[in-house]
């Protein structure tokens, strides 16, 4: 059986976790993008020019603060994601359902239940 190697040079999950622990600023940016994405989904549209400029300034400030106290920034952003997810659980469930529907193949004709009833 051939071995599959990751192109980034990461040899396993432990290496990825060590990288994330050592580089908290990229983790903070990913969490910030997740917070902004959930907020945009709750509004029902992408940010306009003014909101995008505000998000860009907030991202710059986030990087500066994460350079000083990265653990606090990551903990705050993670807590913010949890709160937003709780407040908009129906929206997030609908997004996951759409992704799931895109990933699962559509079965034409007989379904499993129909096949089971015929047996």
C-alpha atoms as a PDB file:
ATOM      1  CA  UNK A   1       0.000   0.000   0.000  1.00  0.00           C
ATOM      2  CA  UNK A   2       1.516   3.355  -0.959  1.00  0.00           C
ATOM      3  CA  UNK A   3       2.067   5.940   1.750  1.00  0.00           C
ATOM      4  CA  UNK A   4       0.463   9.340   1.404  1.00  0.00           C
ATOM      5  CA  UNK A   5       2.670  12.285   2.297  1.00  0.00           C
ATOM      6  CA  UNK A   6       1.435  15.773   2.948  1.00  0.00           C
ATOM      7  CA  UNK A   7       2.965  18.364   0.620  1.00  0.00           C
ATOM      8  CA  UNK A   8       3.550  20.841   3.447  1.00  0.00           C
ATOM      9  CA  UNK A   9       6.101  18.645   5.168  1.00  0.00           C
ATOM     10  CA  UNK A  10       3.824  18.090   8.169  1.00  0.00           C
ATOM     11  CA  UNK A  11       4.378  14.510   9.256  1.00  0.00           C
ATOM     12  CA  UNK A  12       1.300  14.041  11.375  1.00  0.00           C
ATOM     13  CA  UNK A  13      -1.232  15.631  13.655  1.00  0.00           C
ATOM     14  CA  UNK A  14       1.295  16.217  16.429  1.00  0.00           C
ATOM     15  CA  UNK A  15       3.446  18.329  14.140  1.00  0.00           C
ATOM     16  CA  UNK A  16       0.415  20.363  13.099  1.00  0.00           C
ATOM     17  CA  UNK A  17      -0.574  20.938  16.731  1.00  0.00           C
ATOM     18  CA  UNK A  18       2.979  21.980  17.609  1.00  0.00           C
ATOM     19  CA  UNK A  19       2.973  24.413  14.670  1.00  0.00           C
ATOM     20  CA  UNK A  20      -0.348  25.935  15.800  1.00  0.00           C
ATOM     21  CA  UNK A  21       0.895  26.267  19.383  1.00  0.00           C
ATOM     22  CA  UNK A  22       4.068  27.991  18.223  1.00  0.00           C
ATOM     23  CA  UNK A  23       2.300  30.296  15.734  1.00  0.00           C
ATOM     24  CA  UNK A  24      -0.733  31.780  17.435  1.00  0.00           C
ATOM     25  CA  UNK A  25      -1.094  34.797  15.111  1.00  0.00           C
ATOM     26  CA  UNK A  26      -2.218  32.674  12.114  1.00  0.00           C
ATOM     27  CA  UNK A  27      -4.618  30.842  14.434  1.00  0.00           C
ATOM     28  CA  UNK A  28      -6.040  34.178  15.575  1.00  0.00           C
ATOM     29  CA  UNK A  29      -6.507  35.279  11.964  1.00  0.00           C
ATOM     30  CA  UNK A  30      -8.312  32.042  11.083  1.00  0.00           C
ATOM     31  CA  UNK A  31     -10.616  32.483  14.084  1.00  0.00           C
ATOM     32  CA  UNK A  32     -11.206  36.129  13.086  1.00  0.00           C
ATOM     33  CA  UNK A  33     -12.202  35.045   9.585  1.00  0.00           C
ATOM     34  CA  UNK A  34     -14.575  32.489  11.113  1.00  0.00           C
ATOM     35  CA  UNK A  35     -16.165  35.174  13.313  1.00  0.00           C
ATOM     36  CA  UNK A  36     -16.534  37.510  10.330  1.00  0.00           C
ATOM     37  CA  UNK A  37     -18.018  34.675   8.248  1.00  0.00           C
ATOM     38  CA  UNK A  38     -20.607  33.823  10.889  1.00  0.00           C
ATOM     39  CA  UNK A  39     -21.512  37.504  11.205  1.00  0.00           C
ATOM     40  CA  UNK A  40     -21.903  37.844   7.431  1.00  0.00           C
ATOM     41  CA  UNK A  41     -24.071  34.730   7.345  1.00  0.00           C
ATOM     42  CA  UNK A  42     -26.281  36.133  10.108  1.00  0.00           C
ATOM     43  CA  UNK A  43     -26.706  39.386   8.169  1.00  0.00           C
ATOM     44  CA  UNK A  44     -27.518  37.469   5.012  1.00  0.00           C
ATOM     45  CA  UNK A  45     -25.057  39.313   2.777  1.00  0.00           C
ATOM     46  CA  UNK A  46     -21.365  40.021   2.374  1.00  0.00           C
ATOM     47  CA  UNK A  47     -19.936  43.144   4.005  1.00  0.00           C
ATOM     48  CA  UNK A  48     -20.165  46.378   2.039  1.00  0.00           C
ATOM     49  CA  UNK A  49     -17.144  48.648   1.429  1.00  0.00           C
ATOM     50  CA  UNK A  50     -17.368  50.400   4.769  1.00  0.00           C
ATOM     51  CA  UNK A  51     -17.724  47.158   6.727  1.00  0.00           C
ATOM     52  CA  UNK A  52     -14.869  45.563   4.743  1.00  0.00           C
ATOM     53  CA  UNK A  53     -12.616  48.515   5.612  1.00  0.00           C
ATOM     54  CA  UNK A  54     -13.564  48.113   9.271  1.00  0.00           C
ATOM     55  CA  UNK A  55     -12.801  44.402   9.126  1.00  0.00           C
ATOM     56  CA  UNK A  56      -9.403  45.134   7.559  1.00  0.00           C
ATOM     57  CA  UNK A  57      -8.532  47.602  10.332  1.00  0.00           C
ATOM     58  CA  UNK A  58      -9.765  45.127  12.941  1.00  0.00           C
ATOM     59  CA  UNK A  59      -7.600  42.379  11.404  1.00  0.00           C
ATOM     60  CA  UNK A  60      -4.530  44.624  11.551  1.00  0.00           C
ATOM     61  CA  UNK A  61      -5.219  45.495  15.187  1.00  0.00           C
ATOM     62  CA  UNK A  62      -5.825  41.826  15.918  1.00  0.00           C
ATOM     63  CA  UNK A  63      -2.411  40.894  14.505  1.00  0.00           C
ATOM     64  CA  UNK A  64      -0.729  43.597  16.594  1.00  0.00           C
ATOM     65  CA  UNK A  65      -2.461  42.531  19.803  1.00  0.00           C
ATOM     66  CA  UNK A  66      -1.940  38.817  19.041  1.00  0.00           C
ATOM     67  CA  UNK A  67       1.767  39.526  18.778  1.00  0.00           C
ATOM     68  CA  UNK A  68       1.734  40.674  22.418  1.00  0.00           C
ATOM     69  CA  UNK A  69      -0.864  38.424  24.122  1.00  0.00           C
ATOM     70  CA  UNK A  70      -1.714  35.623  21.683  1.00  0.00           C
ATOM     71  CA  UNK A  71      -3.307  33.281  24.224  1.00  0.00           C
ATOM     72  CA  UNK A  72      -5.799  35.919  25.345  1.00  0.00           C
ATOM     73  CA  UNK A  73      -6.727  36.855  21.763  1.00  0.00           C
ATOM     74  CA  UNK A  74      -7.227  33.230  20.687  1.00  0.00           C
ATOM     75  CA  UNK A  75      -9.296  32.471  23.801  1.00  0.00           C
ATOM     76  CA  UNK A  76     -11.468  35.565  23.242  1.00  0.00           C
ATOM     77  CA  UNK A  77     -12.062  34.777  19.564  1.00  0.00           C
ATOM     78  CA  UNK A  78     -12.851  31.141  20.316  1.00  0.00           C
ATOM     79  CA  UNK A  79     -15.356  32.206  22.979  1.00  0.00           C
ATOM     80  CA  UNK A  80     -16.882  34.668  20.503  1.00  0.00           C
ATOM     81  CA  UNK A  81     -17.304  31.887  17.950  1.00  0.00           C
ATOM     82  CA  UNK A  82     -19.002  29.688  20.558  1.00  0.00           C
ATOM     83  CA  UNK A  83     -21.394  32.492  21.541  1.00  0.00           C
ATOM     84  CA  UNK A  84     -22.216  33.293  17.915  1.00  0.00           C
ATOM     85  CA  UNK A  85     -22.727  29.615  17.155  1.00  0.00           C
ATOM     86  CA  UNK A  86     -25.152  29.263  20.055  1.00  0.00           C
ATOM     87  CA  UNK A  87     -27.079  32.387  19.027  1.00  0.00           C
ATOM     88  CA  UNK A  88     -27.348  31.304  15.408  1.00  0.00           C
ATOM     89  CA  UNK A  89     -27.553  27.529  15.725  1.00  0.00           C
ATOM     90  CA  UNK A  90     -30.308  27.242  13.109  1.00  0.00           C
ATOM     91  CA  UNK A  91     -28.270  29.190  10.567  1.00  0.00           C
ATOM     92  CA  UNK A  92     -25.137  27.125  11.175  1.00  0.00           C
ATOM     93  CA  UNK A  93     -27.126  23.889  11.001  1.00  0.00           C
ATOM     94  CA  UNK A  94     -28.573  25.021   7.660  1.00  0.00           C
ATOM     95  CA  UNK A  95     -25.084  25.816   6.329  1.00  0.00           C
ATOM     96  CA  UNK A  96     -23.779  22.403   7.398  1.00  0.00           C
ATOM     97  CA  UNK A  97     -26.829  20.748   5.841  1.00  0.00           C
ATOM     98  CA  UNK A  98     -26.161  22.530   2.529  1.00  0.00           C
ATOM     99  CA  UNK A  99     -22.523  21.411   2.612  1.00  0.00           C
ATOM    100  CA  UNK A 100     -23.605  17.856   3.454  1.00  0.00           C
ATOM    101  CA  UNK A 101     -26.133  17.866   0.611  1.00  0.00           C
ATOM    102  CA  UNK A 102     -23.424  19.015  -1.804  1.00  0.00           C
ATOM    103  CA  UNK A 103     -21.077  16.249  -0.689  1.00  0.00           C
ATOM    104  CA  UNK A 104     -23.547  13.354  -0.710  1.00  0.00           C
ATOM    105  CA  UNK A 105     -24.540  11.883  -4.043  1.00  0.00           C
ATOM    106  CA  UNK A 106     -28.150  12.046  -5.123  1.00  0.00           C
ATOM    107  CA  UNK A 107     -29.614   8.555  -5.472  1.00  0.00           C
ATOM    108  CA  UNK A 108     -31.964   8.188  -8.415  1.00  0.00           C
ATOM    109  CA  UNK A 109     -34.646   5.537  -8.393  1.00  0.00           C
ATOM    110  CA  UNK A 110     -34.960   3.149  -5.464  1.00  0.00           C
ATOM    111  CA  UNK A 111     -33.844   4.267  -2.052  1.00  0.00           C
ATOM    112  CA  UNK A 112     -32.563   1.973   0.675  1.00  0.00           C
ATOM    113  CA  UNK A 113     -35.955   1.955   2.399  1.00  0.00           C
ATOM    114  CA  UNK A 114     -37.705   0.874  -0.787  1.00  0.00           C
ATOM    115  CA  UNK A 115     -35.144  -1.860  -1.332  1.00  0.00           C
ATOM    116  CA  UNK A 116     -35.603  -3.041   2.269  1.00  0.00           C
ATOM    117  CA  UNK A 117     -39.383  -3.126   1.906  1.00  0.00           C
ATOM    118  CA  UNK A 118     -39.092  -5.210  -1.249  1.00  0.00           C
ATOM    119  CA  UNK A 119     -36.956  -7.839   0.526  1.00  0.00           C
END
